[in-house]
Amino acid sequence: MAVTAAQVKELRDKTGAGMLDCKNALTESDGDMERAIDWLREKGIAKSIKKASRIAAEGLSKILVKGNKACIVEINSETDFVAKNEQFLKLLDTACEVILDNTPANNEDALALPVSGGTLNDEFINATATIGEKIVLRRFEVLEKNDDELFGDYTHMGGAKTALCVLKGGNPELAHFIAMQVASMSPSYVSAADMPADIVERERRVQTEIVKNDEKFAGKPENVINGAIEGKVSKALKEMCLVDQEYFMDTAKKVSAVLKENNAEVKAFVRYAVGEGLEKREENFAEEVAKQMNV
């Protein structure tokens, strides 16, 4: 019997399998939806839907540079072992290529991008089904530069941390070192001028409470207390700003001084630490091995 587009879409929505796999399943099952689902499960294609609620906080990030465009991409898996898997690494390469070439607006648009044999989302579904772990596109960013600007990039431990920056002026070596600075020191902003007012006020509220609850300031004059608060706020905000940090190659200097010496300016940066901010799965490895042995 002829398989309709509506049937294919329904099966895809139910299983998360690729369009072609859904069409084949319906064809083999004479259009019977439940039999088609079983067919996909039997082939190992639909098993990825069972993993939708699992925690994926491991994985890798990668940077790809082409001319005046560069992208940084993070893909997550459930365990760090999978990050060494050849299919996982190929998926990361594919994601970087299509994202850099197309500059999608968000993850949904990125996953809808066409690749050989389907969409990028199909590649993630197939990888999840084949490898046996939940694998997801977590985030990405595309940066562009002018001809008189430089990209600096740094990859730590094969992709556990990555950093990408755009430098105006300077030289390739300095651009690379600034990317290393970003990766290691985790700044949030280039300078205080880039910091939103609500971030400043939030830090002031936090530091005010810290000082108020510090016994050593009990009974001190108001001007002393206010001075302590402002000092703590200033220190905290400087740690968030790249140009105010100590330069890791020469801690006697600030990053701002190094940039000035090289007639350089940081226009933008992105830093990824894989799994940062995500809930980590906590399991006893010995128990996990025992579970596998008892299967």
C-alpha atoms as a PDB file:
ATOM      1  CA  MET A   1       0.000   0.000   0.000  1.00  0.00           C
ATOM      2  CA  ALA A   2       1.026   3.610  -0.510  1.00  0.00           C
ATOM      3  CA  VAL A   3       2.450   5.345   2.552  1.00  0.00           C
ATOM      4  CA  THR A   4       1.317   8.935   3.094  1.00  0.00           C
ATOM      5  CA  ALA A   5       3.402  11.847   4.339  1.00  0.00           C
ATOM      6  CA  ALA A   6       1.001  12.233   7.274  1.00  0.00           C
ATOM      7  CA  GLN A   7       1.671   8.639   8.364  1.00  0.00           C
ATOM      8  CA  VAL A   8       5.417   9.156   8.141  1.00  0.00           C
ATOM      9  CA  LYS A   9       5.165  12.317  10.240  1.00  0.00           C
ATOM     10  CA  GLU A  10       3.009  10.582  12.863  1.00  0.00           C
ATOM     11  CA  LEU A  11       5.457   7.691  13.177  1.00  0.00           C
ATOM     12  CA  ARG A  12       8.392  10.074  13.357  1.00  0.00           C
ATOM     13  CA  ASP A  13       6.676  12.060  16.124  1.00  0.00           C
ATOM     14  CA  LYS A  14       6.010   8.866  18.071  1.00  0.00           C
ATOM     15  CA  THR A  15       9.455   7.308  17.721  1.00  0.00           C
ATOM     16  CA  GLY A  16      11.934  10.056  16.874  1.00  0.00           C
ATOM     17  CA  ALA A  17      13.243   7.899  14.023  1.00  0.00           C
ATOM     18  CA  GLY A  18      14.372   9.373  10.686  1.00  0.00           C
ATOM     19  CA  MET A  19      11.976  10.058   7.829  1.00  0.00           C
ATOM     20  CA  LEU A  20      13.351   7.325   5.572  1.00  0.00           C
ATOM     21  CA  ASP A  21      13.340   4.767   8.391  1.00  0.00           C
ATOM     22  CA  CYS A  22       9.717   5.655   9.184  1.00  0.00           C
ATOM     23  CA  LYS A  23       8.721   5.263   5.552  1.00  0.00           C
ATOM     24  CA  ASN A  24      10.452   1.880   5.328  1.00  0.00           C
ATOM     25  CA  ALA A  25       8.827   0.728   8.569  1.00  0.00           C
ATOM     26  CA  LEU A  26       5.341   1.660   7.355  1.00  0.00           C
ATOM     27  CA  THR A  27       5.953   0.018   3.986  1.00  0.00           C
ATOM     28  CA  GLU A  28       7.123  -3.200   5.642  1.00  0.00           C
ATOM     29  CA  SER A  29       4.120  -3.086   7.999  1.00  0.00           C
ATOM     30  CA  ASP A  30       1.458  -2.303   5.346  1.00  0.00           C
ATOM     31  CA  GLY A  31       0.732   1.023   7.034  1.00  0.00           C
ATOM     32  CA  ASP A  32      -0.008  -0.473  10.468  1.00  0.00           C
ATOM     33  CA  MET A  33       1.319   2.110  12.933  1.00  0.00           C
ATOM     34  CA  GLU A  34       1.873  -0.251  15.889  1.00  0.00           C
ATOM     35  CA  ARG A  35       3.590  -2.869  13.739  1.00  0.00           C
ATOM     36  CA  ALA A  36       5.758  -0.112  12.254  1.00  0.00           C
ATOM     37  CA  ILE A  37       6.801   0.977  15.746  1.00  0.00           C
ATOM     38  CA  ASP A  38       7.703  -2.624  16.582  1.00  0.00           C
ATOM     39  CA  TRP A  39       9.658  -2.892  13.326  1.00  0.00           C
ATOM     40  CA  LEU A  40      11.711   0.166  14.261  1.00  0.00           C
ATOM     41  CA  ARG A  41      12.301  -1.184  17.758  1.00  0.00           C
ATOM     42  CA  GLU A  42      13.366  -4.559  16.384  1.00  0.00           C
ATOM     43  CA  LYS A  43      15.877  -2.833  14.108  1.00  0.00           C
ATOM     44  CA  GLY A  44      17.188  -0.819  17.048  1.00  0.00           C
ATOM     45  CA  ILE A  45      16.143   2.432  15.398  1.00  0.00           C
ATOM     46  CA  ALA A  46      13.422   3.484  17.839  1.00  0.00           C
ATOM     47  CA  LYS A  47      15.226   2.563  21.035  1.00  0.00           C
ATOM     48  CA  SER A  48      16.543   6.116  21.297  1.00  0.00           C
ATOM     49  CA  ILE A  49      13.119   7.295  22.514  1.00  0.00           C
ATOM     50  CA  LYS A  50      13.625   5.314  25.726  1.00  0.00           C
ATOM     51  CA  LYS A  51      16.681   7.404  26.467  1.00  0.00           C
ATOM     52  CA  ALA A  52      14.953  10.779  26.259  1.00  0.00           C
ATOM     53  CA  SER A  53      14.867  11.221  30.048  1.00  0.00           C
ATOM     54  CA  ARG A  54      18.474  10.211  30.676  1.00  0.00           C
ATOM     55  CA  ILE A  55      21.103  12.706  31.749  1.00  0.00           C
ATOM     56  CA  ALA A  56      23.605  13.706  29.077  1.00  0.00           C
ATOM     57  CA  ALA A  57      26.267  15.890  30.668  1.00  0.00           C
ATOM     58  CA  GLU A  58      29.479  14.468  29.213  1.00  0.00           C
ATOM     59  CA  GLY A  59      30.740  14.774  25.658  1.00  0.00           C
ATOM     60  CA  LEU A  60      32.966  17.147  23.697  1.00  0.00           C
ATOM     61  CA  SER A  61      33.085  20.631  22.231  1.00  0.00           C
ATOM     62  CA  LYS A  62      34.868  21.603  19.051  1.00  0.00           C
ATOM     63  CA  ILE A  63      35.868  24.695  17.095  1.00  0.00           C
ATOM     64  CA  LEU A  64      35.872  24.952  13.301  1.00  0.00           C
ATOM     65  CA  VAL A  65      37.309  27.948  11.442  1.00  0.00           C
ATOM     66  CA  LYS A  66      36.801  28.777   7.774  1.00  0.00           C
ATOM     67  CA  GLY A  67      37.994  32.136   6.534  1.00  0.00           C
ATOM     68  CA  ASN A  68      36.126  34.901   8.341  1.00  0.00           C
ATOM     69  CA  LYS A  69      33.678  32.550  10.052  1.00  0.00           C
ATOM     70  CA  ALA A  70      34.154  30.212  12.992  1.00  0.00           C
ATOM     71  CA  CYS A  71      31.849  28.099  15.111  1.00  0.00           C
ATOM     72  CA  ILE A  72      32.065  26.445  18.488  1.00  0.00           C
ATOM     73  CA  VAL A  73      29.788  23.456  19.146  1.00  0.00           C
ATOM     74  CA  GLU A  74      29.067  21.264  22.176  1.00  0.00           C
ATOM     75  CA  ILE A  75      27.532  17.801  21.901  1.00  0.00           C
ATOM     76  CA  ASN A  76      26.645  15.883  25.060  1.00  0.00           C
ATOM     77  CA  SER A  77      26.557  12.174  25.831  1.00  0.00           C
ATOM     78  CA  GLU A  78      25.825  10.210  28.989  1.00  0.00           C
ATOM     79  CA  THR A  79      29.398   9.026  29.615  1.00  0.00           C
ATOM     80  CA  ASP A  80      32.841  10.296  28.720  1.00  0.00           C
ATOM     81  CA  PHE A  81      33.628   6.923  27.102  1.00  0.00           C
ATOM     82  CA  VAL A  82      31.280   7.724  24.234  1.00  0.00           C
ATOM     83  CA  ALA A  83      33.232  10.900  23.453  1.00  0.00           C
ATOM     84  CA  LYS A  84      35.976   8.623  22.088  1.00  0.00           C
ATOM     85  CA  ASN A  85      33.536   6.744  19.832  1.00  0.00           C
ATOM     86  CA  GLU A  86      34.235   7.125  16.105  1.00  0.00           C
ATOM     87  CA  GLN A  87      30.564   7.728  15.258  1.00  0.00           C
ATOM     88  CA  PHE A  88      30.313  10.384  17.980  1.00  0.00           C
ATOM     89  CA  LEU A  89      33.408  12.163  16.665  1.00  0.00           C
ATOM     90  CA  LYS A  90      32.063  12.023  13.108  1.00  0.00           C
ATOM     91  CA  LEU A  91      28.747  13.467  14.317  1.00  0.00           C
ATOM     92  CA  LEU A  92      30.617  16.332  15.994  1.00  0.00           C
ATOM     93  CA  ASP A  93      32.488  17.029  12.752  1.00  0.00           C
ATOM     94  CA  THR A  94      29.257  16.963  10.750  1.00  0.00           C
ATOM     95  CA  ALA A  95      27.493  19.295  13.169  1.00  0.00           C
ATOM     96  CA  CYS A  96      30.360  21.798  13.022  1.00  0.00           C
ATOM     97  CA  GLU A  97      30.409  21.757   9.220  1.00  0.00           C
ATOM     98  CA  VAL A  98      26.682  22.309   8.639  1.00  0.00           C
ATOM     99  CA  ILE A  99      26.334  24.848  11.443  1.00  0.00           C
ATOM    100  CA  LEU A 100      29.276  26.896  10.188  1.00  0.00           C
ATOM    101  CA  ASP A 101      28.066  26.751   6.585  1.00  0.00           C
ATOM    102  CA  ASN A 102      24.452  27.705   7.387  1.00  0.00           C
ATOM    103  CA  THR A 103      24.576  29.840  10.582  1.00  0.00           C
ATOM    104  CA  PRO A 104      21.262  28.606  12.044  1.00  0.00           C
ATOM    105  CA  ALA A 105      19.490  30.790  14.596  1.00  0.00           C
ATOM    106  CA  ASN A 106      18.976  28.114  17.254  1.00  0.00           C
ATOM    107  CA  ASN A 107      19.209  24.385  18.008  1.00  0.00           C
ATOM    108  CA  GLU A 108      15.882  23.616  16.360  1.00  0.00           C
ATOM    109  CA  ASP A 109      17.003  25.237  13.111  1.00  0.00           C
ATOM    110  CA  ALA A 110      20.377  23.525  13.343  1.00  0.00           C
ATOM    111  CA  LEU A 111      18.847  20.074  13.759  1.00  0.00           C
ATOM    112  CA  ALA A 112      16.608  20.672  10.730  1.00  0.00           C
ATOM    113  CA  LEU A 113      19.616  21.325   8.464  1.00  0.00           C
ATOM    114  CA  PRO A 114      19.989  18.811   5.631  1.00  0.00           C
ATOM    115  CA  VAL A 115      22.896  16.402   5.643  1.00  0.00           C
ATOM    116  CA  SER A 116      23.621  13.340   3.555  1.00  0.00           C
ATOM    117  CA  GLY A 117      20.662  10.991   3.867  1.00  0.00           C
ATOM    118  CA  GLY A 118      18.394  13.219   5.962  1.00  0.00           C
ATOM    119  CA  THR A 119      18.720  15.970   8.554  1.00  0.00           C
ATOM    120  CA  LEU A 120      21.210  16.663  11.316  1.00  0.00           C
ATOM    121  CA  ASN A 121      18.514  15.533  13.762  1.00  0.00           C
ATOM    122  CA  ASP A 122      18.405  12.158  11.987  1.00  0.00           C
ATOM    123  CA  GLU A 123      22.140  11.834  12.561  1.00  0.00           C
ATOM    124  CA  PHE A 124      21.662  12.414  16.297  1.00  0.00           C
ATOM    125  CA  ILE A 125      18.821   9.888  16.456  1.00  0.00           C
ATOM    126  CA  ASN A 126      20.851   7.289  14.577  1.00  0.00           C
ATOM    127  CA  ALA A 127      23.893   7.874  16.787  1.00  0.00           C
ATOM    128  CA  THR A 128      21.778   7.490  19.917  1.00  0.00           C
ATOM    129  CA  ALA A 129      20.277   4.267  18.604  1.00  0.00           C
ATOM    130  CA  THR A 130      23.588   2.802  17.455  1.00  0.00           C
ATOM    131  CA  ILE A 131      25.817   3.846  20.347  1.00  0.00           C
ATOM    132  CA  GLY A 132      23.193   3.198  23.017  1.00  0.00           C
ATOM    133  CA  GLU A 133      23.408   6.487  24.877  1.00  0.00           C
ATOM    134  CA  LYS A 134      21.439   9.709  24.759  1.00  0.00           C
ATOM    135  CA  ILE A 135      23.366  12.116  22.510  1.00  0.00           C
ATOM    136  CA  VAL A 136      22.240  15.718  22.118  1.00  0.00           C
ATOM    137  CA  LEU A 137      23.269  18.990  20.553  1.00  0.00           C
ATOM    138  CA  ARG A 138      23.552  21.247  23.569  1.00  0.00           C
ATOM    139  CA  ARG A 139      24.684  24.593  22.169  1.00  0.00           C
ATOM    140  CA  PHE A 140      26.660  26.370  19.489  1.00  0.00           C
ATOM    141  CA  GLU A 141      27.732  29.831  18.460  1.00  0.00           C
ATOM    142  CA  VAL A 142      28.979  31.246  15.187  1.00  0.00           C
ATOM    143  CA  LEU A 143      31.378  34.213  15.191  1.00  0.00           C
ATOM    144  CA  GLU A 144      32.403  36.321  12.227  1.00  0.00           C
ATOM    145  CA  LYS A 145      35.354  38.646  11.816  1.00  0.00           C
ATOM    146  CA  ASN A 146      36.587  41.298   9.411  1.00  0.00           C
ATOM    147  CA  ASP A 147      39.631  40.868   7.204  1.00  0.00           C
ATOM    148  CA  ASP A 148      41.749  42.965   9.591  1.00  0.00           C
ATOM    149  CA  GLU A 149      40.803  40.830  12.609  1.00  0.00           C
ATOM    150  CA  LEU A 150      42.041  37.473  13.905  1.00  0.00           C
ATOM    151  CA  PHE A 151      40.452  34.372  15.355  1.00  0.00           C
ATOM    152  CA  GLY A 152      42.113  32.834  18.380  1.00  0.00           C
ATOM    153  CA  ASP A 153      41.109  29.359  19.482  1.00  0.00           C
ATOM    154  CA  TYR A 154      42.129  26.864  22.124  1.00  0.00           C
ATOM    155  CA  THR A 155      41.057  23.286  22.818  1.00  0.00           C
ATOM    156  CA  HIS A 156      41.823  21.674  26.176  1.00  0.00           C
ATOM    157  CA  MET A 157      41.914  17.903  26.761  1.00  0.00           C
ATOM    158  CA  GLY A 158      40.542  17.077  23.339  1.00  0.00           C
ATOM    159  CA  GLY A 159      37.457  19.228  23.740  1.00  0.00           C
ATOM    160  CA  ALA A 160      36.583  19.180  27.442  1.00  0.00           C
ATOM    161  CA  LYS A 161      37.030  22.946  27.290  1.00  0.00           C
ATOM    162  CA  THR A 162      37.192  25.175  24.247  1.00  0.00           C
ATOM    163  CA  ALA A 163      37.502  28.905  23.738  1.00  0.00           C
ATOM    164  CA  LEU A 164      37.170  31.078  20.658  1.00  0.00           C
ATOM    165  CA  CYS A 165      37.905  34.797  20.433  1.00  0.00           C
ATOM    166  CA  VAL A 166      38.035  37.596  17.879  1.00  0.00           C
ATOM    167  CA  LEU A 167      40.991  39.961  18.142  1.00  0.00           C
ATOM    168  CA  LYS A 168      41.476  43.260  16.331  1.00  0.00           C
ATOM    169  CA  GLY A 169      45.165  43.993  15.989  1.00  0.00           C
ATOM    170  CA  GLY A 170      47.847  41.913  17.689  1.00  0.00           C
ATOM    171  CA  ASN A 171      49.077  38.704  16.091  1.00  0.00           C
ATOM    172  CA  PRO A 172      48.068  35.012  15.809  1.00  0.00           C
ATOM    173  CA  GLU A 173      50.132  33.994  18.838  1.00  0.00           C
ATOM    174  CA  LEU A 174      48.485  36.616  21.062  1.00  0.00           C
ATOM    175  CA  ALA A 175      45.043  35.598  19.759  1.00  0.00           C
ATOM    176  CA  HIS A 176      45.793  32.006  20.755  1.00  0.00           C
ATOM    177  CA  PHE A 177      47.001  33.066  24.209  1.00  0.00           C
ATOM    178  CA  ILE A 178      43.884  35.171  24.766  1.00  0.00           C
ATOM    179  CA  ALA A 179      41.777  32.112  23.913  1.00  0.00           C
ATOM    180  CA  MET A 180      43.799  30.146  26.480  1.00  0.00           C
ATOM    181  CA  GLN A 181      43.158  32.917  29.012  1.00  0.00           C
ATOM    182  CA  VAL A 182      39.425  32.685  28.354  1.00  0.00           C
ATOM    183  CA  ALA A 183      39.436  28.887  28.676  1.00  0.00           C
ATOM    184  CA  SER A 184      41.395  28.854  31.925  1.00  0.00           C
ATOM    185  CA  MET A 185      40.098  31.936  33.741  1.00  0.00           C
ATOM    186  CA  SER A 186      36.423  31.807  32.695  1.00  0.00           C
ATOM    187  CA  PRO A 187      35.609  35.496  32.212  1.00  0.00           C
ATOM    188  CA  SER A 188      31.997  36.392  31.493  1.00  0.00           C
ATOM    189  CA  TYR A 189      32.532  39.718  29.725  1.00  0.00           C
ATOM    190  CA  VAL A 190      35.258  41.465  27.766  1.00  0.00           C
ATOM    191  CA  SER A 191      35.095  44.547  29.996  1.00  0.00           C
ATOM    192  CA  ALA A 192      32.864  46.321  32.489  1.00  0.00           C
ATOM    193  CA  ALA A 193      31.340  48.265  29.590  1.00  0.00           C
ATOM    194  CA  ASP A 194      29.804  44.991  28.342  1.00  0.00           C
ATOM    195  CA  MET A 195      28.327  44.087  31.714  1.00  0.00           C
ATOM    196  CA  PRO A 196      24.534  44.513  32.077  1.00  0.00           C
ATOM    197  CA  ALA A 197      23.412  46.849  34.868  1.00  0.00           C
ATOM    198  CA  ASP A 198      21.362  44.094  36.529  1.00  0.00           C
ATOM    199  CA  ILE A 199      24.515  41.964  36.934  1.00  0.00           C
ATOM    200  CA  VAL A 200      26.259  44.827  38.710  1.00  0.00           C
ATOM    201  CA  GLU A 201      23.293  45.427  41.009  1.00  0.00           C
ATOM    202  CA  ARG A 202      22.963  41.734  41.760  1.00  0.00           C
ATOM    203  CA  GLU A 203      26.616  41.527  42.769  1.00  0.00           C
ATOM    204  CA  ARG A 204      26.200  44.616  44.948  1.00  0.00           C
ATOM    205  CA  ARG A 205      23.243  43.015  46.769  1.00  0.00           C
ATOM    206  CA  VAL A 206      25.199  39.808  47.333  1.00  0.00           C
ATOM    207  CA  GLN A 207      28.314  41.553  48.611  1.00  0.00           C
ATOM    208  CA  THR A 208      26.220  43.851  50.834  1.00  0.00           C
ATOM    209  CA  GLU A 209      24.711  40.833  52.567  1.00  0.00           C
ATOM    210  CA  ILE A 210      28.126  39.194  52.898  1.00  0.00           C
ATOM    211  CA  VAL A 211      29.557  42.262  54.625  1.00  0.00           C
ATOM    212  CA  LYS A 212      26.498  42.676  56.861  1.00  0.00           C
ATOM    213  CA  ASN A 213      26.817  39.079  58.016  1.00  0.00           C
ATOM    214  CA  ASP A 214      30.567  39.322  58.627  1.00  0.00           C
ATOM    215  CA  GLU A 215      31.232  39.730  62.350  1.00  0.00           C
ATOM    216  CA  LYS A 216      34.420  41.700  61.788  1.00  0.00           C
ATOM    217  CA  PHE A 217      32.325  44.582  60.442  1.00  0.00           C
ATOM    218  CA  ALA A 218      29.925  44.604  63.411  1.00  0.00           C
ATOM    219  CA  GLY A 219      29.773  48.088  64.939  1.00  0.00           C
ATOM    220  CA  LYS A 220      31.962  49.632  62.249  1.00  0.00           C
ATOM    221  CA  PRO A 221      31.118  53.107  60.918  1.00  0.00           C
ATOM    222  CA  GLU A 222      28.840  53.262  57.898  1.00  0.00           C
ATOM    223  CA  ASN A 223      31.594  54.663  55.672  1.00  0.00           C
ATOM    224  CA  VAL A 224      33.843  51.686  56.518  1.00  0.00           C
ATOM    225  CA  ILE A 225      31.060  49.222  55.754  1.00  0.00           C
ATOM    226  CA  ASN A 226      30.218  50.963  52.468  1.00  0.00           C
ATOM    227  CA  GLY A 227      33.887  51.033  51.527  1.00  0.00           C
ATOM    228  CA  ALA A 228      34.175  47.284  52.181  1.00  0.00           C
ATOM    229  CA  ILE A 229      31.103  46.599  50.076  1.00  0.00           C
ATOM    230  CA  GLU A 230      32.365  48.642  47.140  1.00  0.00           C
ATOM    231  CA  GLY A 231      35.777  47.009  47.387  1.00  0.00           C
ATOM    232  CA  LYS A 232      34.279  43.520  47.266  1.00  0.00           C
ATOM    233  CA  VAL A 233      31.957  44.469  44.413  1.00  0.00           C
ATOM    234  CA  SER A 234      34.846  45.913  42.414  1.00  0.00           C
ATOM    235  CA  LYS A 235      36.949  42.786  42.928  1.00  0.00           C
ATOM    236  CA  ALA A 236      34.117  40.431  41.976  1.00  0.00           C
ATOM    237  CA  LEU A 237      33.254  42.368  38.837  1.00  0.00           C
ATOM    238  CA  LYS A 238      36.879  42.550  37.709  1.00  0.00           C
ATOM    239  CA  GLU A 239      37.169  38.776  37.965  1.00  0.00           C
ATOM    240  CA  MET A 240      34.263  38.536  35.529  1.00  0.00           C
ATOM    241  CA  CYS A 241      35.951  40.848  32.987  1.00  0.00           C
ATOM    242  CA  LEU A 242      38.655  39.514  30.702  1.00  0.00           C
ATOM    243  CA  VAL A 243      40.635  42.741  30.441  1.00  0.00           C
ATOM    244  CA  ASP A 244      40.806  43.141  34.242  1.00  0.00           C
ATOM    245  CA  GLN A 245      42.150  39.643  34.905  1.00  0.00           C
ATOM    246  CA  GLU A 246      45.786  38.830  35.581  1.00  0.00           C
ATOM    247  CA  TYR A 247      47.408  37.615  32.379  1.00  0.00           C
ATOM    248  CA  PHE A 248      48.159  33.911  32.820  1.00  0.00           C
ATOM    249  CA  MET A 249      51.448  34.167  30.895  1.00  0.00           C
ATOM    250  CA  ASP A 250      52.686  37.005  33.130  1.00  0.00           C
ATOM    251  CA  THR A 251      50.662  37.510  36.312  1.00  0.00           C
ATOM    252  CA  ALA A 252      52.401  40.830  36.967  1.00  0.00           C
ATOM    253  CA  LYS A 253      50.340  42.266  34.123  1.00  0.00           C
ATOM    254  CA  LYS A 254      46.643  42.656  33.468  1.00  0.00           C
ATOM    255  CA  VAL A 255      45.204  41.401  30.203  1.00  0.00           C
ATOM    256  CA  SER A 256      44.379  45.023  29.354  1.00  0.00           C
ATOM    257  CA  ALA A 257      48.072  45.943  29.571  1.00  0.00           C
ATOM    258  CA  VAL A 258      49.102  43.080  27.299  1.00  0.00           C
ATOM    259  CA  LEU A 259      46.478  44.065  24.745  1.00  0.00           C
ATOM    260  CA  LYS A 260      47.639  47.686  24.848  1.00  0.00           C
ATOM    261  CA  GLU A 261      51.282  46.649  24.351  1.00  0.00           C
ATOM    262  CA  ASN A 262      50.247  44.780  21.221  1.00  0.00           C
ATOM    263  CA  ASN A 263      47.830  47.439  19.959  1.00  0.00           C
ATOM    264  CA  ALA A 264      45.054  44.845  20.182  1.00  0.00           C
ATOM    265  CA  GLU A 265      41.423  44.716  21.245  1.00  0.00           C
ATOM    266  CA  VAL A 266      39.194  41.750  22.043  1.00  0.00           C
ATOM    267  CA  LYS A 267      35.962  42.107  20.089  1.00  0.00           C
ATOM    268  CA  ALA A 268      34.226  38.925  21.275  1.00  0.00           C
ATOM    269  CA  PHE A 269      34.796  35.538  22.865  1.00  0.00           C
ATOM    270  CA  VAL A 270      32.972  32.300  23.615  1.00  0.00           C
ATOM    271  CA  ARG A 271      33.982  29.673  26.157  1.00  0.00           C
ATOM    272  CA  TYR A 272      32.507  26.179  26.564  1.00  0.00           C
ATOM    273  CA  ALA A 273      33.239  23.723  29.365  1.00  0.00           C
ATOM    274  CA  VAL A 274      31.448  20.487  28.533  1.00  0.00           C
ATOM    275  CA  GLY A 275      28.553  19.750  30.869  1.00  0.00           C
ATOM    276  CA  GLU A 276      28.946  23.048  32.713  1.00  0.00           C
ATOM    277  CA  GLY A 277      25.695  23.885  34.497  1.00  0.00           C
ATOM    278  CA  LEU A 278      24.148  20.482  33.789  1.00  0.00           C
ATOM    279  CA  GLU A 279      23.180  17.881  36.344  1.00  0.00           C
ATOM    280  CA  LYS A 280      25.828  15.175  36.455  1.00  0.00           C
ATOM    281  CA  ARG A 281      24.909  11.531  36.636  1.00  0.00           C
ATOM    282  CA  GLU A 282      26.276   9.959  39.820  1.00  0.00           C
ATOM    283  CA  GLU A 283      26.672   6.211  39.663  1.00  0.00           C
ATOM    284  CA  ASN A 284      28.911   3.637  41.260  1.00  0.00           C
ATOM    285  CA  PHE A 285      31.070   2.295  38.431  1.00  0.00           C
ATOM    286  CA  ALA A 286      31.451  -1.127  40.040  1.00  0.00           C
ATOM    287  CA  GLU A 287      27.680  -1.413  40.391  1.00  0.00           C
ATOM    288  CA  GLU A 288      27.246  -0.384  36.754  1.00  0.00           C
ATOM    289  CA  VAL A 289      29.663  -3.101  35.615  1.00  0.00           C
ATOM    290  CA  ALA A 290      27.831  -5.630  37.781  1.00  0.00           C
ATOM    291  CA  LYS A 291      24.539  -4.639  36.167  1.00  0.00           C
ATOM    292  CA  GLN A 292      26.005  -5.185  32.729  1.00  0.00           C
ATOM    293  CA  MET A 293      27.393  -8.599  33.715  1.00  0.00           C
ATOM    294  CA  ASN A 294      23.982  -9.687  34.956  1.00  0.00           C
ATOM    295  CA  VAL A 295      22.142  -8.757  31.772  1.00  0.00           C
END
